[in-house]
Amino acid sequence: MDNEPIKFLLIGDISTGKKITEFSTKINKKKDEIDKIFTKICKTSAGKYEERNKITSKTENYYFITLKPGIVFLALVSNTYPERLVFELIDKINQEKIPTMINEETKELNAKGRQDLKTIIDSYQNNVINEISKDINDIKLDMKDNIKKMVESIDDTSILEQSAENLRQESKNYRENANELKKLTFCQNFKMWFALGGIVVLLILLFYFIFKP
């Protein structure tokens, strides 16, 4: 994990093309490149307010935006740092009116402005760790929830399997009972027809002997 993902921040005035202040975590080898990007922004982005821009590289990204009345914010950050936090940082600096804390003689940021800027940036340097910790906690909660659902699903499957087994047993019992009932009914019907047949024979014999000529 990069302890200082925000490498460089430049605040400048687009109308004059001059820097108001620069913030760097260390001597940055890309300062010349940053100066060139800032100069190009001043030449090509006049009047283009609140457009979020991004230049990507292998390990770092450049983000820049111009806010009214014409203040340019250019940040160089690690490519693992969330883009949302970069522009949130810029909005915070702008809301705290840091760019207006100017030394009238030097036309640069005064001591209070520099200190307030550092305080805000430091809070966002650590914010990425908090964000990642939050993401990890969210993942843990999702995993727990998924495991709970899996267990419930297993329980549901067991219940369904048991219900299916019970249904199969009941069907088997029904077939066996039906067959048994069929046999009993056949026996009862056979006895009844046998008895009726005997009665008929007796009646025939009785009529025969009564009406014998």
N, C-alpha and C. Protein backbone atom coordinates (compact mmCIF):
# COMPACT_ATOMS: atom_id res chain seq x y z
N MET A 1 0.84 -1.19 0.00
CA MET A 1 0.00 0.00 0.00
C MET A 1 0.88 1.24 0.00
N ASP A 2 0.56 2.21 -0.91
CA ASP A 2 1.28 3.47 -1.00
C ASP A 2 0.81 4.37 0.14
N ASN A 3 1.75 4.77 1.04
CA ASN A 3 1.38 5.59 2.19
C ASN A 3 1.00 7.01 1.80
N GLU A 4 1.50 7.48 0.66
CA GLU A 4 1.19 8.83 0.21
C GLU A 4 0.75 8.77 -1.26
N PRO A 5 -0.48 8.36 -1.49
CA PRO A 5 -0.94 8.20 -2.88
C PRO A 5 -1.10 9.51 -3.63
N ILE A 6 -1.33 10.62 -2.89
CA ILE A 6 -1.42 11.92 -3.55
C ILE A 6 0.00 12.48 -3.67
N LYS A 7 0.55 12.43 -4.88
CA LYS A 7 1.96 12.79 -5.09
C LYS A 7 2.18 14.30 -5.24
N PHE A 8 1.24 14.93 -5.92
CA PHE A 8 1.47 16.33 -6.26
C PHE A 8 0.12 17.01 -6.51
N LEU A 9 0.02 18.25 -6.06
CA LEU A 9 -1.19 19.03 -6.34
C LEU A 9 -0.78 20.45 -6.71
N LEU A 10 -1.30 20.89 -7.83
CA LEU A 10 -1.02 22.24 -8.30
C LEU A 10 -2.33 23.00 -8.38
N ILE A 11 -2.32 24.23 -7.86
CA ILE A 11 -3.46 25.12 -7.99
C ILE A 11 -2.99 26.36 -8.74
N GLY A 12 -3.68 26.70 -9.82
CA GLY A 12 -3.25 27.84 -10.62
C GLY A 12 -4.41 28.67 -11.14
N ASP A 13 -4.07 29.83 -11.65
CA ASP A 13 -5.06 30.75 -12.21
C ASP A 13 -5.02 30.63 -13.73
N ILE A 14 -6.13 30.20 -14.32
CA ILE A 14 -6.14 29.95 -15.76
C ILE A 14 -6.04 31.25 -16.57
N SER A 15 -6.51 32.36 -16.00
CA SER A 15 -6.50 33.62 -16.75
C SER A 15 -5.10 34.20 -16.88
N THR A 16 -4.28 33.99 -15.84
CA THR A 16 -2.92 34.53 -15.87
C THR A 16 -1.88 33.46 -16.24
N GLY A 17 -2.27 32.20 -16.11
CA GLY A 17 -1.33 31.12 -16.40
C GLY A 17 -0.29 30.96 -15.31
N LYS A 18 -0.55 31.55 -14.14
CA LYS A 18 0.42 31.47 -13.05
C LYS A 18 -0.08 30.53 -11.95
N LYS A 19 0.89 29.92 -11.24
CA LYS A 19 0.55 29.02 -10.15
C LYS A 19 0.23 29.81 -8.88
N ILE A 20 -0.77 29.34 -8.18
CA ILE A 20 -1.09 29.91 -6.87
C ILE A 20 -0.30 29.18 -5.79
N THR A 21 -0.21 27.86 -5.94
CA THR A 21 0.58 27.07 -4.99
C THR A 21 0.83 25.68 -5.57
N GLU A 22 1.80 25.01 -5.01
CA GLU A 22 2.09 23.62 -5.33
C GLU A 22 2.25 22.84 -4.03
N PHE A 23 1.79 21.61 -4.05
CA PHE A 23 1.99 20.73 -2.91
C PHE A 23 2.63 19.44 -3.42
N SER A 24 3.71 19.02 -2.79
CA SER A 24 4.39 17.80 -3.20
C SER A 24 4.79 17.01 -1.96
N THR A 25 4.61 15.69 -2.03
CA THR A 25 4.98 14.85 -0.90
C THR A 25 6.49 14.66 -0.83
N LYS A 26 7.15 14.82 -1.95
CA LYS A 26 8.60 14.71 -2.02
C LYS A 26 9.07 15.36 -3.31
N ILE A 27 10.36 15.45 -3.51
CA ILE A 27 10.88 16.02 -4.76
C ILE A 27 10.42 15.12 -5.89
N ASN A 28 9.55 15.65 -6.73
CA ASN A 28 8.93 14.84 -7.77
C ASN A 28 9.66 15.02 -9.09
N LYS A 29 10.05 13.89 -9.68
CA LYS A 29 10.78 13.93 -10.95
C LYS A 29 9.90 14.37 -12.10
N LYS A 30 8.58 14.38 -11.89
CA LYS A 30 7.66 14.71 -12.96
C LYS A 30 7.20 16.16 -12.90
N LYS A 31 7.90 16.99 -12.14
CA LYS A 31 7.49 18.38 -12.00
C LYS A 31 7.48 19.11 -13.33
N ASP A 32 8.47 18.87 -14.17
CA ASP A 32 8.52 19.52 -15.48
C ASP A 32 7.32 19.10 -16.33
N GLU A 33 6.98 17.81 -16.25
CA GLU A 33 5.83 17.31 -17.00
C GLU A 33 4.54 17.95 -16.50
N ILE A 34 4.45 18.12 -15.17
CA ILE A 34 3.28 18.75 -14.58
C ILE A 34 3.17 20.21 -15.03
N ASP A 35 4.29 20.90 -15.07
CA ASP A 35 4.29 22.30 -15.53
C ASP A 35 3.81 22.39 -16.97
N LYS A 36 4.22 21.44 -17.82
CA LYS A 36 3.80 21.45 -19.23
C LYS A 36 2.30 21.21 -19.35
N ILE A 37 1.79 20.28 -18.55
CA ILE A 37 0.35 20.00 -18.58
C ILE A 37 -0.43 21.23 -18.13
N PHE A 38 0.06 21.90 -17.07
CA PHE A 38 -0.63 23.09 -16.57
C PHE A 38 -0.64 24.19 -17.63
N THR A 39 0.47 24.40 -18.30
CA THR A 39 0.55 25.41 -19.36
C THR A 39 -0.44 25.09 -20.48
N LYS A 40 -0.53 23.82 -20.85
CA LYS A 40 -1.45 23.41 -21.92
C LYS A 40 -2.90 23.61 -21.50
N ILE A 41 -3.19 23.32 -20.23
CA ILE A 41 -4.56 23.51 -19.72
C ILE A 41 -4.94 24.98 -19.82
N CYS A 42 -4.04 25.85 -19.43
CA CYS A 42 -4.31 27.29 -19.47
C CYS A 42 -4.59 27.77 -20.89
N LYS A 43 -3.97 27.14 -21.88
CA LYS A 43 -4.12 27.56 -23.27
C LYS A 43 -5.38 26.99 -23.92
N THR A 44 -5.81 25.82 -23.45
CA THR A 44 -6.89 25.12 -24.16
C THR A 44 -8.20 24.98 -23.38
N SER A 45 -8.17 25.27 -22.09
CA SER A 45 -9.36 24.98 -21.28
C SER A 45 -10.08 26.22 -20.79
N ALA A 46 -9.84 27.37 -21.37
CA ALA A 46 -10.51 28.59 -20.94
C ALA A 46 -12.02 28.45 -21.13
N GLY A 47 -12.75 28.75 -20.07
CA GLY A 47 -14.21 28.68 -20.16
C GLY A 47 -14.79 27.29 -19.99
N LYS A 48 -13.94 26.27 -19.93
CA LYS A 48 -14.43 24.89 -19.76
C LYS A 48 -14.44 24.54 -18.28
N TYR A 49 -15.49 24.94 -17.63
CA TYR A 49 -15.57 24.76 -16.18
C TYR A 49 -16.20 23.41 -15.81
N GLU A 50 -15.66 22.86 -14.70
CA GLU A 50 -16.21 21.65 -14.07
C GLU A 50 -16.14 20.41 -14.96
N GLU A 51 -15.30 20.41 -15.95
CA GLU A 51 -15.07 19.21 -16.75
C GLU A 51 -13.97 18.38 -16.10
N ARG A 52 -14.31 17.16 -15.71
CA ARG A 52 -13.33 16.28 -15.06
C ARG A 52 -12.47 15.58 -16.12
N ASN A 53 -11.17 15.73 -15.98
CA ASN A 53 -10.24 15.19 -16.96
C ASN A 53 -9.25 14.24 -16.29
N LYS A 54 -8.79 13.28 -17.07
CA LYS A 54 -7.89 12.27 -16.53
C LYS A 54 -6.88 11.85 -17.58
N ILE A 55 -5.62 11.77 -17.18
CA ILE A 55 -4.54 11.25 -18.03
C ILE A 55 -3.94 10.06 -17.28
N THR A 56 -3.94 8.91 -17.90
CA THR A 56 -3.50 7.69 -17.20
C THR A 56 -2.07 7.31 -17.59
N SER A 57 -1.40 6.64 -16.66
CA SER A 57 -0.09 6.04 -16.92
C SER A 57 -0.02 4.72 -16.18
N LYS A 58 1.12 4.06 -16.19
CA LYS A 58 1.23 2.73 -15.61
C LYS A 58 1.01 2.73 -14.10
N THR A 59 1.62 3.69 -13.41
CA THR A 59 1.56 3.68 -11.94
C THR A 59 0.84 4.88 -11.35
N GLU A 60 0.66 5.95 -12.16
CA GLU A 60 0.06 7.19 -11.64
C GLU A 60 -0.92 7.76 -12.65
N ASN A 61 -1.83 8.58 -12.15
CA ASN A 61 -2.80 9.26 -13.01
C ASN A 61 -2.79 10.76 -12.72
N TYR A 62 -3.02 11.53 -13.79
CA TYR A 62 -3.20 12.97 -13.65
C TYR A 62 -4.70 13.29 -13.71
N TYR A 63 -5.16 14.11 -12.78
CA TYR A 63 -6.53 14.57 -12.80
C TYR A 63 -6.52 16.09 -12.79
N PHE A 64 -7.37 16.71 -13.62
CA PHE A 64 -7.44 18.16 -13.57
C PHE A 64 -8.84 18.64 -13.89
N ILE A 65 -9.15 19.81 -13.31
CA ILE A 65 -10.47 20.43 -13.48
C ILE A 65 -10.32 21.92 -13.26
N THR A 66 -11.14 22.70 -13.96
CA THR A 66 -11.15 24.15 -13.78
C THR A 66 -12.48 24.54 -13.14
N LEU A 67 -12.40 25.24 -12.03
CA LEU A 67 -13.59 25.70 -11.33
C LEU A 67 -13.65 27.23 -11.36
N LYS A 68 -14.86 27.74 -11.35
CA LYS A 68 -15.03 29.20 -11.39
C LYS A 68 -14.45 29.82 -10.13
N PRO A 69 -13.83 31.02 -10.24
CA PRO A 69 -13.80 31.93 -11.40
C PRO A 69 -12.66 31.67 -12.39
N GLY A 70 -12.09 30.49 -12.38
CA GLY A 70 -10.99 30.19 -13.29
C GLY A 70 -9.78 29.61 -12.58
N ILE A 71 -10.04 28.80 -11.56
CA ILE A 71 -8.97 28.18 -10.79
C ILE A 71 -8.76 26.75 -11.28
N VAL A 72 -7.51 26.44 -11.64
CA VAL A 72 -7.17 25.10 -12.14
C VAL A 72 -6.62 24.26 -10.99
N PHE A 73 -7.12 23.03 -10.91
CA PHE A 73 -6.59 22.06 -9.95
C PHE A 73 -6.01 20.89 -10.76
N LEU A 74 -4.76 20.61 -10.52
CA LEU A 74 -4.07 19.52 -11.23
C LEU A 74 -3.43 18.60 -10.19
N ALA A 75 -3.85 17.33 -10.18
CA ALA A 75 -3.35 16.39 -9.16
C ALA A 75 -2.68 15.20 -9.83
N LEU A 76 -1.59 14.77 -9.23
CA LEU A 76 -0.90 13.54 -9.65
C LEU A 76 -1.04 12.55 -8.49
N VAL A 77 -1.70 11.43 -8.75
CA VAL A 77 -1.96 10.46 -7.68
C VAL A 77 -1.66 9.05 -8.16
N SER A 78 -1.48 8.16 -7.21
CA SER A 78 -1.28 6.75 -7.53
C SER A 78 -2.51 6.20 -8.23
N ASN A 79 -2.30 5.29 -9.20
CA ASN A 79 -3.45 4.77 -9.94
C ASN A 79 -4.31 3.81 -9.13
N THR A 80 -3.89 3.52 -7.88
CA THR A 80 -4.72 2.71 -7.00
C THR A 80 -5.67 3.58 -6.17
N TYR A 81 -5.49 4.88 -6.25
CA TYR A 81 -6.32 5.80 -5.46
C TYR A 81 -7.63 6.05 -6.19
N PRO A 82 -8.77 5.97 -5.48
CA PRO A 82 -10.08 6.13 -6.14
C PRO A 82 -10.25 7.51 -6.77
N GLU A 83 -10.70 7.53 -8.01
CA GLU A 83 -10.93 8.79 -8.72
C GLU A 83 -11.95 9.66 -7.98
N ARG A 84 -12.95 9.03 -7.42
CA ARG A 84 -13.98 9.78 -6.69
C ARG A 84 -13.37 10.62 -5.58
N LEU A 85 -12.36 10.07 -4.88
CA LEU A 85 -11.74 10.80 -3.77
C LEU A 85 -10.89 11.96 -4.26
N VAL A 86 -10.33 11.83 -5.45
CA VAL A 86 -9.51 12.92 -5.99
C VAL A 86 -10.36 14.17 -6.17
N PHE A 87 -11.51 14.00 -6.84
CA PHE A 87 -12.36 15.17 -7.10
C PHE A 87 -13.10 15.61 -5.83
N GLU A 88 -13.29 14.69 -4.91
CA GLU A 88 -13.84 15.07 -3.61
C GLU A 88 -12.84 15.95 -2.86
N LEU A 89 -11.57 15.60 -2.95
CA LEU A 89 -10.50 16.41 -2.34
C LEU A 89 -10.48 17.81 -2.94
N ILE A 90 -10.55 17.89 -4.27
CA ILE A 90 -10.54 19.19 -4.95
C ILE A 90 -11.74 20.03 -4.53
N ASP A 91 -12.92 19.40 -4.46
CA ASP A 91 -14.13 20.13 -4.03
C ASP A 91 -13.96 20.65 -2.61
N LYS A 92 -13.35 19.84 -1.75
CA LYS A 92 -13.14 20.24 -0.36
C LYS A 92 -12.21 21.46 -0.28
N ILE A 93 -11.13 21.44 -1.05
CA ILE A 93 -10.18 22.57 -1.07
C ILE A 93 -10.88 23.83 -1.56
N ASN A 94 -11.71 23.66 -2.58
CA ASN A 94 -12.43 24.81 -3.15
C ASN A 94 -13.48 25.34 -2.18
N GLN A 95 -14.20 24.44 -1.51
CA GLN A 95 -15.22 24.86 -0.55
C GLN A 95 -14.62 25.60 0.64
N GLU A 96 -13.41 25.19 1.03
CA GLU A 96 -12.73 25.86 2.15
C GLU A 96 -12.07 27.17 1.72
N LYS A 97 -12.25 27.50 0.43
CA LYS A 97 -11.73 28.77 -0.14
C LYS A 97 -10.21 28.90 -0.01
N ILE A 98 -9.53 27.78 -0.09
CA ILE A 98 -8.05 27.80 0.01
C ILE A 98 -7.43 28.67 -1.09
N PRO A 99 -7.91 28.57 -2.36
CA PRO A 99 -7.28 29.38 -3.43
C PRO A 99 -7.38 30.89 -3.22
N THR A 100 -8.28 31.33 -2.32
CA THR A 100 -8.42 32.78 -2.10
C THR A 100 -7.50 33.29 -0.99
N MET A 101 -6.80 32.38 -0.31
CA MET A 101 -5.90 32.79 0.79
C MET A 101 -4.55 33.21 0.20
N ILE A 102 -4.56 34.36 -0.44
CA ILE A 102 -3.40 34.81 -1.22
C ILE A 102 -2.63 35.90 -0.46
N ASN A 103 -1.32 35.79 -0.55
CA ASN A 103 -0.45 36.88 -0.06
C ASN A 103 -0.43 37.96 -1.15
N GLU A 104 -0.86 39.14 -0.81
CA GLU A 104 -1.03 40.20 -1.79
C GLU A 104 0.29 40.59 -2.46
N GLU A 105 1.38 40.43 -1.77
CA GLU A 105 2.67 40.82 -2.35
C GLU A 105 3.19 39.76 -3.32
N THR A 106 3.14 38.49 -2.89
CA THR A 106 3.71 37.43 -3.73
C THR A 106 2.69 36.83 -4.70
N LYS A 107 1.39 37.09 -4.43
CA LYS A 107 0.30 36.50 -5.23
C LYS A 107 0.32 34.97 -5.15
N GLU A 108 0.87 34.48 -4.07
CA GLU A 108 0.86 33.04 -3.83
C GLU A 108 0.11 32.75 -2.54
N LEU A 109 -0.08 31.48 -2.27
CA LEU A 109 -0.83 31.09 -1.08
C LEU A 109 -0.10 31.55 0.18
N ASN A 110 -0.84 32.13 1.13
CA ASN A 110 -0.22 32.57 2.38
C ASN A 110 0.01 31.38 3.32
N ALA A 111 0.60 31.66 4.48
CA ALA A 111 0.99 30.59 5.41
C ALA A 111 -0.22 29.80 5.89
N LYS A 112 -1.30 30.50 6.20
CA LYS A 112 -2.51 29.80 6.67
C LYS A 112 -3.08 28.92 5.56
N GLY A 113 -3.08 29.46 4.37
CA GLY A 113 -3.59 28.69 3.22
C GLY A 113 -2.79 27.43 3.00
N ARG A 114 -1.45 27.54 3.07
CA ARG A 114 -0.59 26.37 2.88
C ARG A 114 -0.83 25.33 3.97
N GLN A 115 -1.00 25.80 5.23
CA GLN A 115 -1.23 24.87 6.33
C GLN A 115 -2.59 24.17 6.21
N ASP A 116 -3.62 24.96 5.84
CA ASP A 116 -4.95 24.38 5.68
C ASP A 116 -4.97 23.37 4.52
N LEU A 117 -4.24 23.71 3.46
CA LEU A 117 -4.17 22.81 2.31
C LEU A 117 -3.50 21.50 2.70
N LYS A 118 -2.39 21.59 3.44
CA LYS A 118 -1.68 20.39 3.88
C LYS A 118 -2.57 19.52 4.78
N THR A 119 -3.32 20.18 5.66
CA THR A 119 -4.21 19.44 6.57
C THR A 119 -5.26 18.65 5.80
N ILE A 120 -5.85 19.30 4.80
CA ILE A 120 -6.88 18.62 3.99
C ILE A 120 -6.27 17.46 3.21
N ILE A 121 -5.11 17.71 2.58
CA ILE A 121 -4.48 16.65 1.78
C ILE A 121 -4.06 15.48 2.66
N ASP A 122 -3.53 15.78 3.84
CA ASP A 122 -3.14 14.71 4.76
C ASP A 122 -4.33 13.84 5.14
N SER A 123 -5.48 14.47 5.33
CA SER A 123 -6.68 13.69 5.69
C SER A 123 -7.09 12.77 4.55
N TYR A 124 -6.87 13.23 3.32
CA TYR A 124 -7.22 12.39 2.16
C TYR A 124 -6.14 11.37 1.84
N GLN A 125 -4.91 11.64 2.27
CA GLN A 125 -3.86 10.62 2.13
C GLN A 125 -4.27 9.36 2.90
N ASN A 126 -4.81 9.57 4.10
CA ASN A 126 -5.21 8.45 4.94
C ASN A 126 -6.58 7.91 4.58
N ASN A 127 -7.36 8.70 3.87
CA ASN A 127 -8.73 8.32 3.56
C ASN A 127 -8.81 7.06 2.71
N VAL A 128 -7.82 6.87 1.84
CA VAL A 128 -7.84 5.69 0.97
C VAL A 128 -7.73 4.41 1.80
N ILE A 129 -6.96 4.48 2.88
CA ILE A 129 -6.84 3.31 3.76
C ILE A 129 -8.20 3.02 4.40
N ASN A 130 -8.87 4.10 4.83
CA ASN A 130 -10.19 3.92 5.43
C ASN A 130 -11.18 3.35 4.41
N GLU A 131 -11.06 3.83 3.16
CA GLU A 131 -11.97 3.34 2.12
C GLU A 131 -11.74 1.86 1.85
N ILE A 132 -10.45 1.47 1.79
CA ILE A 132 -10.14 0.06 1.53
C ILE A 132 -10.59 -0.80 2.69
N SER A 133 -10.40 -0.30 3.93
CA SER A 133 -10.86 -1.04 5.10
C SER A 133 -12.37 -1.21 5.06
N LYS A 134 -13.06 -0.14 4.64
CA LYS A 134 -14.52 -0.22 4.52
C LYS A 134 -14.91 -1.25 3.46
N ASP A 135 -14.18 -1.24 2.33
CA ASP A 135 -14.46 -2.21 1.27
C ASP A 135 -14.26 -3.63 1.78
N ILE A 136 -13.16 -3.82 2.54
CA ILE A 136 -12.87 -5.16 3.08
C ILE A 136 -13.98 -5.60 4.02
N ASN A 137 -14.43 -4.66 4.89
CA ASN A 137 -15.51 -4.99 5.81
C ASN A 137 -16.80 -5.31 5.06
N ASP A 138 -17.05 -4.54 3.98
CA ASP A 138 -18.24 -4.80 3.16
C ASP A 138 -18.17 -6.17 2.52
N ILE A 139 -16.95 -6.54 2.06
CA ILE A 139 -16.76 -7.85 1.44
C ILE A 139 -16.99 -8.95 2.47
N LYS A 140 -16.47 -8.73 3.70
CA LYS A 140 -16.68 -9.70 4.77
C LYS A 140 -18.17 -9.90 5.05
N LEU A 141 -18.90 -8.78 5.11
CA LEU A 141 -20.34 -8.86 5.37
C LEU A 141 -21.05 -9.60 4.24
N ASP A 142 -20.63 -9.29 2.98
CA ASP A 142 -21.22 -9.97 1.83
C ASP A 142 -20.94 -11.47 1.88
N MET A 143 -19.69 -11.82 2.27
CA MET A 143 -19.33 -13.23 2.35
C MET A 143 -20.15 -13.93 3.42
N LYS A 144 -20.30 -13.27 4.59
CA LYS A 144 -21.12 -13.86 5.67
C LYS A 144 -22.55 -14.05 5.21
N ASP A 145 -23.07 -13.04 4.49
CA ASP A 145 -24.45 -13.11 4.01
C ASP A 145 -24.60 -14.24 3.01
N ASN A 146 -23.59 -14.37 2.11
CA ASN A 146 -23.64 -15.42 1.10
C ASN A 146 -23.56 -16.81 1.74
N ILE A 147 -22.68 -16.92 2.76
CA ILE A 147 -22.54 -18.21 3.46
C ILE A 147 -23.86 -18.55 4.17
N LYS A 148 -24.48 -17.54 4.79
CA LYS A 148 -25.76 -17.77 5.46
C LYS A 148 -26.81 -18.24 4.47
N LYS A 149 -26.83 -17.60 3.29
CA LYS A 149 -27.79 -18.00 2.27
C LYS A 149 -27.51 -19.40 1.76
N MET A 150 -26.21 -19.75 1.66
CA MET A 150 -25.85 -21.09 1.22
C MET A 150 -26.31 -22.14 2.22
N VAL A 151 -26.10 -21.82 3.52
CA VAL A 151 -26.54 -22.75 4.58
C VAL A 151 -28.05 -22.90 4.55
N GLU A 152 -28.75 -21.75 4.40
CA GLU A 152 -30.21 -21.80 4.33
C GLU A 152 -30.65 -22.59 3.11
N SER A 153 -29.90 -22.41 2.01
CA SER A 153 -30.23 -23.14 0.79
C SER A 153 -30.03 -24.64 0.97
N ILE A 154 -28.93 -24.99 1.69
CA ILE A 154 -28.68 -26.41 1.98
C ILE A 154 -29.80 -26.96 2.84
N ASP A 155 -30.21 -26.18 3.86
CA ASP A 155 -31.32 -26.62 4.72
C ASP A 155 -32.59 -26.79 3.92
N ASP A 156 -32.84 -25.82 3.03
CA ASP A 156 -34.03 -25.90 2.18
C ASP A 156 -33.97 -27.12 1.29
N THR A 157 -32.77 -27.41 0.76
CA THR A 157 -32.61 -28.58 -0.11
C THR A 157 -32.87 -29.86 0.67
N SER A 158 -32.35 -29.90 1.90
CA SER A 158 -32.57 -31.08 2.74
C SER A 158 -34.06 -31.27 3.02
N ILE A 159 -34.74 -30.15 3.30
CA ILE A 159 -36.17 -30.22 3.56
C ILE A 159 -36.92 -30.71 2.32
N LEU A 160 -36.52 -30.17 1.15
CA LEU A 160 -37.16 -30.59 -0.10
C LEU A 160 -36.91 -32.07 -0.37
N GLU A 161 -35.67 -32.52 -0.13
CA GLU A 161 -35.35 -33.93 -0.35
C GLU A 161 -36.15 -34.82 0.59
N GLN A 162 -36.28 -34.38 1.86
CA GLN A 162 -37.05 -35.15 2.83
C GLN A 162 -38.53 -35.19 2.44
N SER A 163 -39.03 -34.03 1.97
CA SER A 163 -40.43 -33.96 1.53
C SER A 163 -40.66 -34.87 0.34
N ALA A 164 -39.70 -34.88 -0.59
CA ALA A 164 -39.82 -35.74 -1.77
C ALA A 164 -39.80 -37.21 -1.36
N GLU A 165 -38.93 -37.54 -0.41
CA GLU A 165 -38.85 -38.92 0.08
C GLU A 165 -40.15 -39.32 0.76
N ASN A 166 -40.70 -38.40 1.57
CA ASN A 166 -41.97 -38.68 2.23
C ASN A 166 -43.08 -38.88 1.20
N LEU A 167 -43.06 -38.05 0.14
CA LEU A 167 -44.07 -38.18 -0.90
C LEU A 167 -43.95 -39.50 -1.63
N ARG A 168 -42.70 -39.93 -1.90
CA ARG A 168 -42.48 -41.22 -2.57
C ARG A 168 -42.99 -42.37 -1.68
N GLN A 169 -42.73 -42.27 -0.37
CA GLN A 169 -43.18 -43.31 0.55
C GLN A 169 -44.71 -43.35 0.62
N GLU A 170 -45.31 -42.17 0.66
CA GLU A 170 -46.77 -42.11 0.70
C GLU A 170 -47.38 -42.67 -0.58
N SER A 171 -46.74 -42.40 -1.72
CA SER A 171 -47.22 -42.94 -3.00
C SER A 171 -47.13 -44.46 -3.00
N LYS A 172 -46.01 -44.98 -2.46
CA LYS A 172 -45.83 -46.42 -2.38
C LYS A 172 -46.90 -47.05 -1.49
N ASN A 173 -47.13 -46.40 -0.33
CA ASN A 173 -48.15 -46.91 0.59
C ASN A 173 -49.53 -46.87 -0.06
N TYR A 174 -49.77 -45.80 -0.83
CA TYR A 174 -51.06 -45.69 -1.51
C TYR A 174 -51.26 -46.81 -2.51
N ARG A 175 -50.21 -47.08 -3.30
CA ARG A 175 -50.30 -48.17 -4.29
C ARG A 175 -50.52 -49.51 -3.60
N GLU A 176 -49.77 -49.73 -2.52
CA GLU A 176 -49.93 -51.00 -1.79
C GLU A 176 -51.33 -51.12 -1.21
N ASN A 177 -51.83 -50.04 -0.63
CA ASN A 177 -53.18 -50.06 -0.06
C ASN A 177 -54.23 -50.25 -1.15
N ALA A 178 -53.99 -49.61 -2.30
CA ALA A 178 -54.94 -49.74 -3.42
C ALA A 178 -54.98 -51.18 -3.90
N ASN A 179 -53.81 -51.80 -4.03
CA ASN A 179 -53.76 -53.20 -4.47
C ASN A 179 -54.45 -54.12 -3.45
N GLU A 180 -54.20 -53.83 -2.17
CA GLU A 180 -54.82 -54.63 -1.12
C GLU A 180 -56.34 -54.49 -1.15
N LEU A 181 -56.78 -53.24 -1.36
CA LEU A 181 -58.22 -52.99 -1.44
C LEU A 181 -58.81 -53.69 -2.66
N LYS A 182 -58.08 -53.68 -3.74
CA LYS A 182 -58.56 -54.34 -4.97
C LYS A 182 -58.73 -55.84 -4.74
N LYS A 183 -57.74 -56.44 -4.03
CA LYS A 183 -57.83 -57.87 -3.74
C LYS A 183 -59.02 -58.17 -2.83
N LEU A 184 -59.22 -57.36 -1.79
CA LEU A 184 -60.32 -57.56 -0.87
C LEU A 184 -61.66 -57.41 -1.59
N THR A 185 -61.74 -56.41 -2.44
CA THR A 185 -62.98 -56.19 -3.21
C THR A 185 -63.26 -57.36 -4.12
N PHE A 186 -62.22 -57.89 -4.75
CA PHE A 186 -62.39 -59.05 -5.63
C PHE A 186 -62.90 -60.25 -4.84
N CYS A 187 -62.30 -60.50 -3.67
CA CYS A 187 -62.73 -61.62 -2.84
C CYS A 187 -64.18 -61.46 -2.40
N GLN A 188 -64.53 -60.24 -1.99
CA GLN A 188 -65.90 -60.00 -1.56
C GLN A 188 -66.89 -60.19 -2.72
N ASN A 189 -66.50 -59.68 -3.87
CA ASN A 189 -67.37 -59.84 -5.05
C ASN A 189 -67.50 -61.31 -5.45
N PHE A 190 -66.39 -62.05 -5.36
CA PHE A 190 -66.42 -63.48 -5.70
C PHE A 190 -67.36 -64.24 -4.76
N LYS A 191 -67.24 -63.93 -3.46
CA LYS A 191 -68.10 -64.60 -2.49
C LYS A 191 -69.57 -64.26 -2.74
N MET A 192 -69.81 -62.98 -3.08
CA MET A 192 -71.19 -62.56 -3.32
C MET A 192 -71.77 -63.26 -4.54
N TRP A 193 -71.02 -63.32 -5.61
CA TRP A 193 -71.49 -63.98 -6.83
C TRP A 193 -71.62 -65.50 -6.62
N PHE A 194 -70.70 -66.03 -5.83
CA PHE A 194 -70.79 -67.46 -5.52
C PHE A 194 -72.07 -67.76 -4.74
N ALA A 195 -72.36 -66.86 -3.75
CA ALA A 195 -73.58 -67.04 -2.95
C ALA A 195 -74.82 -66.88 -3.81
N LEU A 196 -74.83 -65.87 -4.69
CA LEU A 196 -75.97 -65.66 -5.58
C LEU A 196 -76.16 -66.85 -6.52
N GLY A 197 -75.02 -67.37 -7.00
CA GLY A 197 -75.09 -68.55 -7.88
C GLY A 197 -75.70 -69.74 -7.16
N GLY A 198 -75.33 -69.92 -5.88
CA GLY A 198 -75.88 -71.02 -5.10
C GLY A 198 -77.37 -70.87 -4.89
N ILE A 199 -77.81 -69.63 -4.60
CA ILE A 199 -79.23 -69.36 -4.41
C ILE A 199 -80.02 -69.66 -5.68
N VAL A 200 -79.45 -69.24 -6.82
CA VAL A 200 -80.12 -69.48 -8.10
C VAL A 200 -80.27 -70.98 -8.33
N VAL A 201 -79.21 -71.74 -8.08
CA VAL A 201 -79.27 -73.20 -8.27
C VAL A 201 -80.33 -73.83 -7.38
N LEU A 202 -80.39 -73.37 -6.10
CA LEU A 202 -81.38 -73.89 -5.18
C LEU A 202 -82.80 -73.58 -5.64
N LEU A 203 -83.00 -72.36 -6.13
CA LEU A 203 -84.31 -71.98 -6.63
C LEU A 203 -84.72 -72.83 -7.82
N ILE A 204 -83.76 -73.07 -8.71
CA ILE A 204 -84.06 -73.90 -9.90
C ILE A 204 -84.45 -75.31 -9.46
N LEU A 205 -83.66 -75.86 -8.50
CA LEU A 205 -83.97 -77.20 -8.03
C LEU A 205 -85.32 -77.23 -7.32
N LEU A 206 -85.62 -76.16 -6.56
CA LEU A 206 -86.88 -76.10 -5.84
C LEU A 206 -88.06 -76.06 -6.81
N PHE A 207 -87.97 -75.21 -7.83
CA PHE A 207 -89.02 -75.14 -8.83
C PHE A 207 -89.16 -76.46 -9.57
N TYR A 208 -88.06 -77.11 -9.76
CA TYR A 208 -88.07 -78.39 -10.50
C TYR A 208 -88.85 -79.44 -9.73
N PHE A 209 -88.55 -79.54 -8.42
CA PHE A 209 -89.24 -80.56 -7.64
C PHE A 209 -90.72 -80.19 -7.37
N ILE A 210 -91.01 -78.90 -7.25
CA ILE A 210 -92.39 -78.47 -6.99
C ILE A 210 -93.25 -78.70 -8.22
N PHE A 211 -92.77 -78.29 -9.31
CA PHE A 211 -93.58 -78.34 -10.53
C PHE A 211 -93.24 -79.57 -11.39
N LYS A 212 -92.65 -80.58 -10.78
CA LYS A 212 -92.31 -81.82 -11.52
C LYS A 212 -93.62 -82.57 -11.87
N PRO A 213 -93.84 -82.93 -13.16
CA PRO A 213 -95.09 -83.59 -13.57
C PRO A 213 -95.17 -85.01 -13.03
